[in-house]
Amino acid sequence: MIKGILFDLDNTLIDFMTMKKRCTEAAVTAMIDAGLEMSRKKAYRLMLEEYKKYGIEDQTIFQKFLQKHLKKVDYKILSAAIIAYRKVKSGQLVPYPHVRSTLLDLKKDGLKLGIVSDAPRMQAWLRLTNMNLVDYFDVVLGYEDTGKLKPAVEPFRKALRKMKLKSEEVLFIGDNSQRDIAGARKVGMKTVLAVYGQTFKGGKADYRIKDIRELEGILG
């Protein structure tokens, strides 16, 4: 019997990649307006290369970009990028459709809910707080809580300990088959692939859903 559900955060509950794309576009435009001599198309492409190299969560990505392409950190350009990024982020960080109503129904059913994210701990909490989703979750784990990234088993096992549940009592839902699904399966959880949030298609899971509200049908 399923007594708890663990969720990945980005691209499972939050449309993270759409937000990241729009924020980066705004930052690139602001850098050019502040004096960066580069076409918008080229700057955006080079920014994506930096994200690919250093990770989508890198908090100093603009500094790295400027150091590489200008050979220095121009603070006029840097500050313009950061402000533009933050302004767009505040309006783009939203949950997928039906997330809030589904979480509410799951809590009403008496299920324990948790987050296992590769995002830095503070970033995970900030995103949940920004969207007023914090109170739905009994457990929230970010990268620093174990120092391991999925598909390592440590984040999943720590979440199980905190929820005081066995692996066979927990369903895990995530968008990444190689990290989320593979890691959850290693510890014996049933898995759900969030097809609606997939960046890379494919992968196996016990269930596949195109809308988060389909979870209730799986549990039913």
N, C-alpha and C. Protein backbone atom coordinates (compact mmCIF):
# COMPACT_ATOMS: atom_id res chain seq x y z
N MET A 1 0.84 -1.21 0.00
CA MET A 1 0.00 0.00 0.00
C MET A 1 0.88 1.26 0.00
N ILE A 2 0.57 2.19 -0.89
CA ILE A 2 1.34 3.44 -0.96
C ILE A 2 0.92 4.39 0.16
N LYS A 3 1.91 4.81 0.96
CA LYS A 3 1.66 5.72 2.07
C LYS A 3 2.34 7.08 1.88
N GLY A 4 3.21 7.16 0.88
CA GLY A 4 3.91 8.42 0.66
C GLY A 4 4.31 8.59 -0.80
N ILE A 5 4.51 9.84 -1.19
CA ILE A 5 4.96 10.16 -2.54
C ILE A 5 6.13 11.12 -2.46
N LEU A 6 7.20 10.80 -3.18
CA LEU A 6 8.34 11.69 -3.30
C LEU A 6 8.36 12.28 -4.71
N PHE A 7 8.66 13.57 -4.78
CA PHE A 7 8.70 14.27 -6.05
C PHE A 7 10.10 14.83 -6.31
N ASP A 8 10.52 14.77 -7.56
CA ASP A 8 11.58 15.67 -8.01
C ASP A 8 10.93 17.05 -8.05
N LEU A 9 11.75 18.12 -8.10
CA LEU A 9 11.19 19.47 -8.08
C LEU A 9 11.15 20.11 -9.47
N ASP A 10 12.32 20.37 -10.03
CA ASP A 10 12.40 21.07 -11.32
C ASP A 10 11.95 20.17 -12.47
N ASN A 11 11.05 20.69 -13.28
CA ASN A 11 10.47 19.99 -14.43
C ASN A 11 9.55 18.83 -14.04
N THR A 12 9.22 18.76 -12.75
CA THR A 12 8.22 17.80 -12.28
C THR A 12 7.07 18.57 -11.62
N LEU A 13 7.42 19.47 -10.71
CA LEU A 13 6.43 20.36 -10.11
C LEU A 13 6.50 21.76 -10.73
N ILE A 14 7.72 22.16 -11.11
CA ILE A 14 7.95 23.50 -11.67
C ILE A 14 8.39 23.38 -13.12
N ASP A 15 7.86 24.25 -13.97
CA ASP A 15 8.31 24.31 -15.36
C ASP A 15 9.62 25.09 -15.38
N PHE A 16 10.68 24.43 -14.92
CA PHE A 16 11.95 25.10 -14.67
C PHE A 16 12.66 25.53 -15.94
N MET A 17 12.66 24.68 -16.97
CA MET A 17 13.43 24.99 -18.16
C MET A 17 12.85 26.17 -18.95
N THR A 18 11.52 26.31 -18.96
CA THR A 18 10.92 27.47 -19.60
C THR A 18 11.32 28.74 -18.88
N MET A 19 11.28 28.68 -17.54
CA MET A 19 11.70 29.82 -16.73
C MET A 19 13.16 30.17 -17.01
N LYS A 20 14.03 29.15 -17.04
CA LYS A 20 15.46 29.37 -17.23
C LYS A 20 15.74 30.00 -18.60
N LYS A 21 15.03 29.54 -19.60
CA LYS A 21 15.21 30.06 -20.96
C LYS A 21 14.85 31.54 -21.02
N ARG A 22 13.70 31.91 -20.47
CA ARG A 22 13.25 33.30 -20.53
C ARG A 22 14.13 34.22 -19.69
N CYS A 23 14.58 33.72 -18.54
CA CYS A 23 15.47 34.52 -17.70
C CYS A 23 16.81 34.77 -18.39
N THR A 24 17.33 33.74 -19.03
CA THR A 24 18.62 33.87 -19.72
C THR A 24 18.51 34.80 -20.91
N GLU A 25 17.40 34.73 -21.64
CA GLU A 25 17.18 35.65 -22.76
C GLU A 25 17.15 37.10 -22.27
N ALA A 26 16.48 37.32 -21.14
CA ALA A 26 16.41 38.68 -20.58
C ALA A 26 17.79 39.15 -20.12
N ALA A 27 18.56 38.26 -19.51
CA ALA A 27 19.90 38.62 -19.03
C ALA A 27 20.82 38.97 -20.20
N VAL A 28 20.74 38.20 -21.26
CA VAL A 28 21.57 38.45 -22.45
C VAL A 28 21.23 39.81 -23.06
N THR A 29 19.95 40.11 -23.18
CA THR A 29 19.53 41.40 -23.71
C THR A 29 20.04 42.55 -22.85
N ALA A 30 19.97 42.36 -21.53
CA ALA A 30 20.43 43.41 -20.61
C ALA A 30 21.93 43.60 -20.71
N MET A 31 22.68 42.53 -20.88
CA MET A 31 24.14 42.64 -21.00
C MET A 31 24.52 43.43 -22.25
N ILE A 32 23.81 43.17 -23.33
CA ILE A 32 24.09 43.89 -24.59
C ILE A 32 23.75 45.37 -24.44
N ASP A 33 22.62 45.66 -23.81
CA ASP A 33 22.23 47.06 -23.57
C ASP A 33 23.24 47.77 -22.68
N ALA A 34 23.90 46.99 -21.79
CA ALA A 34 24.88 47.58 -20.86
C ALA A 34 26.27 47.68 -21.45
N GLY A 35 26.45 47.22 -22.69
CA GLY A 35 27.74 47.41 -23.34
C GLY A 35 28.41 46.18 -23.89
N LEU A 36 27.84 45.00 -23.73
CA LEU A 36 28.43 43.79 -24.29
C LEU A 36 28.33 43.85 -25.82
N GLU A 37 29.46 43.80 -26.49
CA GLU A 37 29.47 43.87 -27.95
C GLU A 37 29.42 42.47 -28.54
N MET A 38 28.21 42.00 -28.70
CA MET A 38 27.98 40.64 -29.20
C MET A 38 26.53 40.56 -29.65
N SER A 39 26.24 39.79 -30.66
CA SER A 39 24.86 39.64 -31.09
C SER A 39 24.07 38.85 -30.05
N ARG A 40 22.78 39.12 -29.98
CA ARG A 40 21.92 38.44 -29.02
C ARG A 40 21.94 36.92 -29.24
N LYS A 41 21.89 36.52 -30.49
CA LYS A 41 21.87 35.09 -30.82
C LYS A 41 23.16 34.41 -30.37
N LYS A 42 24.29 35.04 -30.64
CA LYS A 42 25.57 34.45 -30.24
C LYS A 42 25.72 34.41 -28.73
N ALA A 43 25.35 35.49 -28.06
CA ALA A 43 25.48 35.55 -26.60
C ALA A 43 24.63 34.48 -25.93
N TYR A 44 23.42 34.30 -26.43
CA TYR A 44 22.54 33.28 -25.85
C TYR A 44 23.14 31.88 -26.06
N ARG A 45 23.66 31.63 -27.25
CA ARG A 45 24.26 30.32 -27.54
C ARG A 45 25.46 30.07 -26.62
N LEU A 46 26.28 31.07 -26.41
CA LEU A 46 27.45 30.92 -25.55
C LEU A 46 27.06 30.75 -24.08
N MET A 47 25.97 31.40 -23.67
CA MET A 47 25.47 31.21 -22.31
C MET A 47 25.02 29.77 -22.09
N LEU A 48 24.36 29.21 -23.08
CA LEU A 48 23.92 27.82 -22.97
C LEU A 48 25.12 26.88 -22.86
N GLU A 49 26.20 27.22 -23.56
CA GLU A 49 27.41 26.41 -23.46
C GLU A 49 27.99 26.47 -22.05
N GLU A 50 27.91 27.63 -21.42
CA GLU A 50 28.40 27.76 -20.04
C GLU A 50 27.54 26.94 -19.08
N TYR A 51 26.23 26.99 -19.28
CA TYR A 51 25.33 26.18 -18.44
C TYR A 51 25.63 24.70 -18.61
N LYS A 52 25.89 24.28 -19.85
CA LYS A 52 26.18 22.88 -20.11
C LYS A 52 27.47 22.46 -19.42
N LYS A 53 28.44 23.36 -19.38
CA LYS A 53 29.74 23.06 -18.78
C LYS A 53 29.69 23.07 -17.26
N TYR A 54 29.03 24.08 -16.68
CA TYR A 54 29.07 24.28 -15.23
C TYR A 54 27.80 23.86 -14.50
N GLY A 55 26.75 23.57 -15.23
CA GLY A 55 25.51 23.14 -14.58
C GLY A 55 24.47 24.23 -14.56
N ILE A 56 23.22 23.83 -14.68
CA ILE A 56 22.11 24.77 -14.79
C ILE A 56 21.88 25.56 -13.51
N GLU A 57 22.43 25.06 -12.37
CA GLU A 57 22.24 25.73 -11.07
C GLU A 57 23.41 26.63 -10.68
N ASP A 58 24.42 26.76 -11.53
CA ASP A 58 25.60 27.56 -11.18
C ASP A 58 25.19 29.00 -10.88
N GLN A 59 25.56 29.48 -9.70
CA GLN A 59 25.15 30.81 -9.25
C GLN A 59 26.12 31.91 -9.70
N THR A 60 27.22 31.54 -10.34
CA THR A 60 28.19 32.54 -10.81
C THR A 60 28.38 32.43 -12.32
N ILE A 61 27.35 31.99 -13.01
CA ILE A 61 27.46 31.71 -14.44
C ILE A 61 27.73 32.98 -15.26
N PHE A 62 27.17 34.11 -14.86
CA PHE A 62 27.40 35.35 -15.61
C PHE A 62 28.86 35.82 -15.46
N GLN A 63 29.39 35.66 -14.25
CA GLN A 63 30.80 36.00 -14.03
C GLN A 63 31.71 35.14 -14.91
N LYS A 64 31.41 33.85 -14.96
CA LYS A 64 32.21 32.94 -15.78
C LYS A 64 32.10 33.31 -17.27
N PHE A 65 30.90 33.65 -17.68
CA PHE A 65 30.68 34.05 -19.08
C PHE A 65 31.50 35.28 -19.43
N LEU A 66 31.45 36.30 -18.57
CA LEU A 66 32.17 37.55 -18.84
C LEU A 66 33.68 37.35 -18.78
N GLN A 67 34.12 36.58 -17.82
CA GLN A 67 35.56 36.33 -17.70
C GLN A 67 36.09 35.61 -18.94
N LYS A 68 35.30 34.70 -19.47
CA LYS A 68 35.73 33.94 -20.64
C LYS A 68 35.73 34.79 -21.90
N HIS A 69 34.69 35.59 -22.09
CA HIS A 69 34.51 36.27 -23.36
C HIS A 69 34.96 37.73 -23.36
N LEU A 70 35.10 38.34 -22.17
CA LEU A 70 35.64 39.70 -22.09
C LEU A 70 37.01 39.73 -21.42
N LYS A 71 37.40 38.58 -20.84
CA LYS A 71 38.66 38.46 -20.11
C LYS A 71 38.65 39.26 -18.80
N LYS A 72 37.46 39.68 -18.38
CA LYS A 72 37.31 40.38 -17.11
C LYS A 72 35.83 40.38 -16.74
N VAL A 73 35.55 40.67 -15.48
CA VAL A 73 34.16 40.81 -15.03
C VAL A 73 33.82 42.29 -15.01
N ASP A 74 33.03 42.72 -15.98
CA ASP A 74 32.57 44.10 -16.05
C ASP A 74 31.31 44.20 -15.18
N TYR A 75 31.40 44.93 -14.06
CA TYR A 75 30.30 44.93 -13.10
C TYR A 75 29.07 45.69 -13.57
N LYS A 76 29.25 46.60 -14.49
CA LYS A 76 28.09 47.26 -15.09
C LYS A 76 27.27 46.24 -15.87
N ILE A 77 27.94 45.42 -16.66
CA ILE A 77 27.26 44.39 -17.45
C ILE A 77 26.72 43.29 -16.55
N LEU A 78 27.53 42.89 -15.56
CA LEU A 78 27.11 41.82 -14.64
C LEU A 78 25.86 42.20 -13.87
N SER A 79 25.84 43.40 -13.33
CA SER A 79 24.68 43.81 -12.52
C SER A 79 23.43 43.91 -13.38
N ALA A 80 23.58 44.36 -14.62
CA ALA A 80 22.43 44.43 -15.52
C ALA A 80 21.86 43.04 -15.79
N ALA A 81 22.74 42.06 -15.98
CA ALA A 81 22.30 40.70 -16.23
C ALA A 81 21.56 40.12 -15.04
N ILE A 82 22.11 40.33 -13.84
CA ILE A 82 21.50 39.77 -12.63
C ILE A 82 20.13 40.37 -12.37
N ILE A 83 20.02 41.70 -12.50
CA ILE A 83 18.73 42.36 -12.26
C ILE A 83 17.68 41.89 -13.26
N ALA A 84 18.05 41.81 -14.54
CA ALA A 84 17.10 41.36 -15.56
C ALA A 84 16.67 39.93 -15.32
N TYR A 85 17.61 39.10 -14.96
CA TYR A 85 17.31 37.69 -14.67
C TYR A 85 16.30 37.58 -13.52
N ARG A 86 16.57 38.30 -12.44
CA ARG A 86 15.71 38.21 -11.25
C ARG A 86 14.31 38.75 -11.52
N LYS A 87 14.22 39.82 -12.29
CA LYS A 87 12.90 40.39 -12.58
C LYS A 87 12.02 39.41 -13.35
N VAL A 88 12.61 38.74 -14.33
CA VAL A 88 11.84 37.77 -15.11
C VAL A 88 11.54 36.53 -14.28
N LYS A 89 12.50 36.11 -13.49
CA LYS A 89 12.32 34.90 -12.67
C LYS A 89 11.14 35.01 -11.73
N SER A 90 10.96 36.17 -11.14
CA SER A 90 9.87 36.35 -10.16
C SER A 90 8.50 36.14 -10.78
N GLY A 91 8.38 36.37 -12.10
CA GLY A 91 7.09 36.21 -12.75
C GLY A 91 6.94 34.90 -13.49
N GLN A 92 8.05 34.16 -13.67
CA GLN A 92 8.02 32.93 -14.47
C GLN A 92 8.05 31.66 -13.63
N LEU A 93 8.36 31.78 -12.35
CA LEU A 93 8.49 30.59 -11.51
C LEU A 93 7.09 30.16 -11.05
N VAL A 94 6.52 29.24 -11.81
CA VAL A 94 5.15 28.80 -11.53
C VAL A 94 5.08 27.28 -11.59
N PRO A 95 4.14 26.69 -10.84
CA PRO A 95 3.97 25.24 -10.93
C PRO A 95 3.26 24.85 -12.22
N TYR A 96 3.44 23.60 -12.62
CA TYR A 96 2.70 23.09 -13.77
C TYR A 96 1.20 23.10 -13.46
N PRO A 97 0.36 23.05 -14.49
CA PRO A 97 -1.09 22.97 -14.26
C PRO A 97 -1.45 21.78 -13.36
N HIS A 98 -2.39 22.00 -12.46
CA HIS A 98 -2.98 20.99 -11.58
C HIS A 98 -2.06 20.53 -10.45
N VAL A 99 -0.87 21.13 -10.32
CA VAL A 99 0.03 20.73 -9.24
C VAL A 99 -0.59 21.03 -7.87
N ARG A 100 -1.05 22.26 -7.69
CA ARG A 100 -1.56 22.65 -6.38
C ARG A 100 -2.79 21.82 -5.97
N SER A 101 -3.72 21.63 -6.88
CA SER A 101 -4.94 20.88 -6.55
C SER A 101 -4.63 19.41 -6.30
N THR A 102 -3.67 18.87 -7.05
CA THR A 102 -3.30 17.46 -6.85
C THR A 102 -2.62 17.26 -5.50
N LEU A 103 -1.70 18.16 -5.14
CA LEU A 103 -1.04 18.06 -3.84
C LEU A 103 -2.05 18.16 -2.70
N LEU A 104 -3.02 19.04 -2.85
CA LEU A 104 -4.05 19.20 -1.83
C LEU A 104 -4.86 17.91 -1.67
N ASP A 105 -5.23 17.29 -2.79
CA ASP A 105 -6.00 16.04 -2.73
C ASP A 105 -5.18 14.91 -2.10
N LEU A 106 -3.90 14.86 -2.43
CA LEU A 106 -3.03 13.81 -1.87
C LEU A 106 -2.89 13.97 -0.36
N LYS A 107 -2.77 15.22 0.10
CA LYS A 107 -2.70 15.45 1.54
C LYS A 107 -4.00 15.09 2.22
N LYS A 108 -5.10 15.39 1.58
CA LYS A 108 -6.40 15.03 2.15
C LYS A 108 -6.56 13.52 2.29
N ASP A 109 -5.90 12.79 1.39
CA ASP A 109 -5.94 11.33 1.44
C ASP A 109 -5.03 10.75 2.50
N GLY A 110 -4.30 11.62 3.21
CA GLY A 110 -3.45 11.17 4.30
C GLY A 110 -2.05 10.71 3.90
N LEU A 111 -1.64 11.04 2.68
CA LEU A 111 -0.32 10.62 2.21
C LEU A 111 0.77 11.58 2.69
N LYS A 112 1.94 11.03 2.99
CA LYS A 112 3.10 11.87 3.28
C LYS A 112 3.73 12.27 1.96
N LEU A 113 4.13 13.53 1.86
CA LEU A 113 4.70 14.04 0.62
C LEU A 113 6.10 14.60 0.88
N GLY A 114 6.99 14.39 -0.09
CA GLY A 114 8.35 14.89 0.07
C GLY A 114 8.98 15.30 -1.25
N ILE A 115 10.08 16.03 -1.14
CA ILE A 115 10.86 16.49 -2.30
C ILE A 115 12.28 15.92 -2.21
N VAL A 116 12.77 15.37 -3.31
CA VAL A 116 14.18 14.99 -3.42
C VAL A 116 14.71 15.70 -4.67
N SER A 117 15.52 16.74 -4.45
CA SER A 117 15.99 17.57 -5.55
C SER A 117 17.51 17.61 -5.58
N ASP A 118 18.07 17.74 -6.78
CA ASP A 118 19.50 17.97 -6.94
C ASP A 118 19.85 19.45 -6.81
N ALA A 119 18.84 20.30 -6.72
CA ALA A 119 19.09 21.74 -6.58
C ALA A 119 19.72 22.03 -5.22
N PRO A 120 20.51 23.11 -5.12
CA PRO A 120 21.01 23.51 -3.81
C PRO A 120 19.85 23.67 -2.83
N ARG A 121 20.09 23.32 -1.59
CA ARG A 121 19.02 23.31 -0.58
C ARG A 121 18.25 24.62 -0.52
N MET A 122 18.98 25.74 -0.45
CA MET A 122 18.31 27.04 -0.35
C MET A 122 17.47 27.34 -1.57
N GLN A 123 17.98 27.00 -2.76
CA GLN A 123 17.22 27.25 -3.98
C GLN A 123 15.92 26.44 -4.00
N ALA A 124 15.99 25.20 -3.54
CA ALA A 124 14.78 24.37 -3.50
C ALA A 124 13.74 24.99 -2.57
N TRP A 125 14.18 25.42 -1.39
CA TRP A 125 13.24 26.04 -0.45
C TRP A 125 12.69 27.36 -0.98
N LEU A 126 13.54 28.16 -1.61
CA LEU A 126 13.08 29.43 -2.16
C LEU A 126 12.02 29.22 -3.24
N ARG A 127 12.21 28.23 -4.09
CA ARG A 127 11.24 27.97 -5.15
C ARG A 127 9.90 27.52 -4.56
N LEU A 128 9.95 26.65 -3.59
CA LEU A 128 8.71 26.17 -2.97
C LEU A 128 7.99 27.31 -2.24
N THR A 129 8.77 28.13 -1.55
CA THR A 129 8.18 29.26 -0.82
C THR A 129 7.58 30.27 -1.79
N ASN A 130 8.30 30.56 -2.86
CA ASN A 130 7.83 31.51 -3.87
C ASN A 130 6.48 31.11 -4.44
N MET A 131 6.25 29.81 -4.57
CA MET A 131 5.00 29.30 -5.16
C MET A 131 3.97 28.90 -4.12
N ASN A 132 4.27 29.18 -2.84
CA ASN A 132 3.36 28.83 -1.74
C ASN A 132 3.03 27.34 -1.71
N LEU A 133 4.07 26.52 -1.90
CA LEU A 133 3.88 25.06 -1.88
C LEU A 133 4.52 24.39 -0.66
N VAL A 134 5.21 25.16 0.16
CA VAL A 134 5.98 24.59 1.27
C VAL A 134 5.15 23.71 2.18
N ASP A 135 3.96 24.16 2.55
CA ASP A 135 3.18 23.47 3.57
C ASP A 135 2.63 22.12 3.13
N TYR A 136 2.76 21.80 1.86
CA TYR A 136 2.29 20.49 1.40
C TYR A 136 3.27 19.37 1.72
N PHE A 137 4.52 19.72 2.04
CA PHE A 137 5.57 18.71 2.11
C PHE A 137 6.06 18.45 3.53
N ASP A 138 6.22 17.16 3.83
CA ASP A 138 6.73 16.72 5.13
C ASP A 138 8.26 16.69 5.12
N VAL A 139 8.85 16.48 3.95
CA VAL A 139 10.30 16.36 3.81
C VAL A 139 10.74 17.12 2.56
N VAL A 140 11.80 17.91 2.68
CA VAL A 140 12.39 18.59 1.52
C VAL A 140 13.91 18.39 1.59
N LEU A 141 14.46 17.71 0.61
CA LEU A 141 15.91 17.47 0.56
C LEU A 141 16.51 18.13 -0.68
N GLY A 142 17.57 18.90 -0.47
CA GLY A 142 18.36 19.46 -1.56
C GLY A 142 19.73 18.81 -1.59
N TYR A 143 20.57 19.28 -2.46
CA TYR A 143 21.87 18.64 -2.67
C TYR A 143 22.69 18.51 -1.38
N GLU A 144 22.76 19.59 -0.59
CA GLU A 144 23.62 19.58 0.60
C GLU A 144 23.17 18.60 1.67
N ASP A 145 21.94 18.13 1.61
CA ASP A 145 21.45 17.23 2.65
C ASP A 145 22.14 15.87 2.63
N THR A 146 22.70 15.49 1.50
CA THR A 146 23.47 14.24 1.43
C THR A 146 24.81 14.43 0.73
N GLY A 147 24.95 15.51 -0.04
CA GLY A 147 26.17 15.71 -0.81
C GLY A 147 26.26 14.79 -2.02
N LYS A 148 25.15 14.17 -2.37
CA LYS A 148 25.10 13.25 -3.50
C LYS A 148 24.01 13.66 -4.47
N LEU A 149 24.27 13.47 -5.76
CA LEU A 149 23.28 13.74 -6.78
C LEU A 149 22.62 12.44 -7.22
N LYS A 150 21.35 12.52 -7.59
CA LYS A 150 20.68 11.37 -8.18
C LYS A 150 21.41 10.95 -9.45
N PRO A 151 21.56 9.67 -9.75
CA PRO A 151 20.83 8.52 -9.20
C PRO A 151 21.48 7.84 -7.99
N ALA A 152 22.39 8.49 -7.29
CA ALA A 152 22.93 7.91 -6.07
C ALA A 152 21.78 7.57 -5.12
N VAL A 153 21.93 6.51 -4.35
CA VAL A 153 20.83 6.05 -3.51
C VAL A 153 20.67 6.86 -2.22
N GLU A 154 21.73 7.59 -1.81
CA GLU A 154 21.68 8.28 -0.52
C GLU A 154 20.52 9.26 -0.37
N PRO A 155 20.22 10.12 -1.37
CA PRO A 155 19.08 11.04 -1.20
C PRO A 155 17.75 10.32 -1.00
N PHE A 156 17.56 9.23 -1.74
CA PHE A 156 16.30 8.47 -1.63
C PHE A 156 16.19 7.79 -0.26
N ARG A 157 17.29 7.20 0.19
CA ARG A 157 17.27 6.51 1.48
C ARG A 157 17.06 7.49 2.64
N LYS A 158 17.67 8.68 2.53
CA LYS A 158 17.47 9.67 3.60
C LYS A 158 16.02 10.13 3.63
N ALA A 159 15.42 10.31 2.47
CA ALA A 159 14.02 10.72 2.42
C ALA A 159 13.12 9.65 3.06
N LEU A 160 13.41 8.39 2.78
CA LEU A 160 12.63 7.30 3.38
C LEU A 160 12.76 7.32 4.90
N ARG A 161 13.98 7.54 5.39
CA ARG A 161 14.18 7.58 6.85
C ARG A 161 13.39 8.72 7.47
N LYS A 162 13.42 9.88 6.83
CA LYS A 162 12.71 11.04 7.38
C LYS A 162 11.19 10.85 7.33
N MET A 163 10.71 10.16 6.31
CA MET A 163 9.28 9.90 6.20
C MET A 163 8.84 8.71 7.06
N LYS A 164 9.83 7.94 7.54
CA LYS A 164 9.57 6.74 8.35
C LYS A 164 8.71 5.75 7.58
N LEU A 165 9.09 5.56 6.30
CA LEU A 165 8.37 4.63 5.44
C LEU A 165 9.36 3.69 4.77
N LYS A 166 8.85 2.54 4.32
CA LYS A 166 9.65 1.59 3.57
C LYS A 166 9.57 1.93 2.08
N SER A 167 10.55 1.47 1.33
CA SER A 167 10.61 1.82 -0.09
C SER A 167 9.37 1.35 -0.85
N GLU A 168 8.84 0.19 -0.49
CA GLU A 168 7.66 -0.32 -1.18
C GLU A 168 6.39 0.45 -0.84
N GLU A 169 6.49 1.35 0.13
CA GLU A 169 5.33 2.17 0.51
C GLU A 169 5.35 3.55 -0.14
N VAL A 170 6.37 3.79 -0.98
CA VAL A 170 6.56 5.14 -1.54
C VAL A 170 6.61 5.10 -3.06
N LEU A 171 5.94 6.07 -3.66
CA LEU A 171 5.93 6.26 -5.11
C LEU A 171 6.82 7.47 -5.41
N PHE A 172 7.70 7.35 -6.41
CA PHE A 172 8.55 8.48 -6.78
C PHE A 172 8.19 8.97 -8.16
N ILE A 173 8.05 10.29 -8.30
CA ILE A 173 7.73 10.88 -9.60
C ILE A 173 8.81 11.89 -9.99
N GLY A 174 9.33 11.73 -11.22
CA GLY A 174 10.36 12.64 -11.72
C GLY A 174 10.37 12.68 -13.23
N ASP A 175 11.09 13.66 -13.78
CA ASP A 175 11.11 13.86 -15.23
C ASP A 175 12.31 13.22 -15.91
N ASN A 176 13.32 12.83 -15.13
CA ASN A 176 14.57 12.33 -15.70
C ASN A 176 14.72 10.84 -15.42
N SER A 177 14.65 10.03 -16.48
CA SER A 177 14.69 8.59 -16.30
C SER A 177 16.05 8.10 -15.82
N GLN A 178 17.12 8.77 -16.24
CA GLN A 178 18.46 8.33 -15.86
C GLN A 178 18.85 8.72 -14.45
N ARG A 179 18.23 9.76 -13.92
CA ARG A 179 18.58 10.21 -12.57
C ARG A 179 17.45 9.92 -11.58
N ASP A 180 16.28 10.50 -11.83
CA ASP A 180 15.17 10.32 -10.90
C ASP A 180 14.69 8.87 -10.83
N ILE A 181 14.32 8.35 -11.99
CA ILE A 181 13.71 7.02 -12.04
C ILE A 181 14.71 5.93 -11.69
N ALA A 182 15.91 6.01 -12.26
CA ALA A 182 16.92 4.99 -11.99
C ALA A 182 17.29 4.95 -10.50
N GLY A 183 17.45 6.11 -9.89
CA GLY A 183 17.80 6.16 -8.48
C GLY A 183 16.71 5.60 -7.58
N ALA A 184 15.47 5.96 -7.87
CA ALA A 184 14.35 5.47 -7.06
C ALA A 184 14.19 3.96 -7.19
N ARG A 185 14.40 3.46 -8.38
CA ARG A 185 14.27 2.01 -8.60
C ARG A 185 15.35 1.24 -7.86
N LYS A 186 16.53 1.83 -7.72
CA LYS A 186 17.63 1.18 -7.01
C LYS A 186 17.26 0.83 -5.56
N VAL A 187 16.44 1.69 -4.96
CA VAL A 187 16.08 1.45 -3.55
C VAL A 187 14.73 0.74 -3.42
N GLY A 188 14.12 0.39 -4.55
CA GLY A 188 12.91 -0.41 -4.49
C GLY A 188 11.60 0.34 -4.54
N MET A 189 11.63 1.62 -4.93
CA MET A 189 10.38 2.39 -5.04
C MET A 189 9.70 2.12 -6.38
N LYS A 190 8.38 2.23 -6.40
CA LYS A 190 7.64 2.29 -7.65
C LYS A 190 7.87 3.68 -8.24
N THR A 191 7.90 3.77 -9.56
CA THR A 191 8.28 5.04 -10.19
C THR A 191 7.26 5.52 -11.20
N VAL A 192 7.19 6.85 -11.34
CA VAL A 192 6.30 7.50 -12.29
C VAL A 192 7.13 8.51 -13.08
N LEU A 193 7.11 8.40 -14.40
CA LEU A 193 7.84 9.32 -15.26
C LEU A 193 6.93 10.48 -15.67
N ALA A 194 7.33 11.69 -15.32
CA ALA A 194 6.57 12.90 -15.67
C ALA A 194 6.90 13.29 -17.10
N VAL A 195 6.20 12.70 -18.05
CA VAL A 195 6.47 12.93 -19.47
C VAL A 195 6.34 14.41 -19.84
N TYR A 196 5.43 15.11 -19.18
CA TYR A 196 5.17 16.51 -19.50
C TYR A 196 6.37 17.41 -19.22
N GLY A 197 7.32 16.95 -18.37
CA GLY A 197 8.46 17.79 -18.03
C GLY A 197 9.78 17.30 -18.59
N GLN A 198 9.73 16.24 -19.38
CA GLN A 198 10.96 15.66 -19.89
C GLN A 198 11.72 16.59 -20.83
N THR A 199 13.02 16.74 -20.57
CA THR A 199 13.91 17.44 -21.49
C THR A 199 14.45 16.46 -22.52
N PHE A 200 14.77 15.26 -22.04
CA PHE A 200 15.25 14.20 -22.92
C PHE A 200 14.23 13.07 -22.89
N LYS A 201 13.73 12.70 -24.06
CA LYS A 201 12.67 11.71 -24.15
C LYS A 201 13.19 10.30 -23.90
N GLY A 202 12.24 9.40 -23.61
CA GLY A 202 12.60 8.00 -23.43
C GLY A 202 12.72 7.64 -21.96
N GLY A 203 13.09 6.39 -21.70
CA GLY A 203 13.26 5.92 -20.33
C GLY A 203 12.11 5.06 -19.87
N LYS A 204 12.42 4.17 -18.93
CA LYS A 204 11.42 3.25 -18.41
C LYS A 204 11.02 3.62 -16.99
N ALA A 205 9.77 3.38 -16.69
CA ALA A 205 9.25 3.59 -15.35
C ALA A 205 8.03 2.68 -15.20
N ASP A 206 7.55 2.53 -13.97
CA ASP A 206 6.36 1.70 -13.75
C ASP A 206 5.13 2.36 -14.36
N TYR A 207 5.11 3.69 -14.33
CA TYR A 207 3.99 4.44 -14.89
C TYR A 207 4.53 5.67 -15.63
N ARG A 208 3.76 6.16 -16.59
CA ARG A 208 4.08 7.39 -17.32
C ARG A 208 2.84 8.28 -17.29
N ILE A 209 3.02 9.56 -16.99
CA ILE A 209 1.88 10.47 -16.95
C ILE A 209 2.14 11.71 -17.77
N LYS A 210 1.09 12.25 -18.37
CA LYS A 210 1.18 13.47 -19.17
C LYS A 210 0.63 14.68 -18.41
N ASP A 211 0.05 14.42 -17.26
CA ASP A 211 -0.50 15.47 -16.40
C ASP A 211 -0.39 14.97 -14.97
N ILE A 212 0.00 15.83 -14.04
CA ILE A 212 0.24 15.38 -12.69
C ILE A 212 -1.02 14.83 -12.01
N ARG A 213 -2.19 15.29 -12.43
CA ARG A 213 -3.41 14.80 -11.79
C ARG A 213 -3.67 13.33 -12.08
N GLU A 214 -2.94 12.75 -13.05
CA GLU A 214 -3.06 11.32 -13.32
C GLU A 214 -2.54 10.48 -12.17
N LEU A 215 -1.79 11.10 -11.25
CA LEU A 215 -1.31 10.37 -10.07
C LEU A 215 -2.46 9.76 -9.28
N GLU A 216 -3.55 10.49 -9.18
CA GLU A 216 -4.68 10.01 -8.38
C GLU A 216 -5.27 8.74 -8.97
N GLY A 217 -5.24 8.63 -10.31
CA GLY A 217 -5.71 7.41 -10.95
C GLY A 217 -4.81 6.23 -10.67
N ILE A 218 -3.50 6.49 -10.64
CA ILE A 218 -2.53 5.43 -10.32
C ILE A 218 -2.75 4.93 -8.89
N LEU A 219 -2.93 5.85 -7.97
CA LEU A 219 -3.13 5.48 -6.56
C LEU A 219 -4.48 4.80 -6.36
N GLY A 220 -5.47 5.25 -7.13
CA GLY A 220 -6.80 4.68 -6.97
C GLY A 220 -6.87 3.24 -7.40
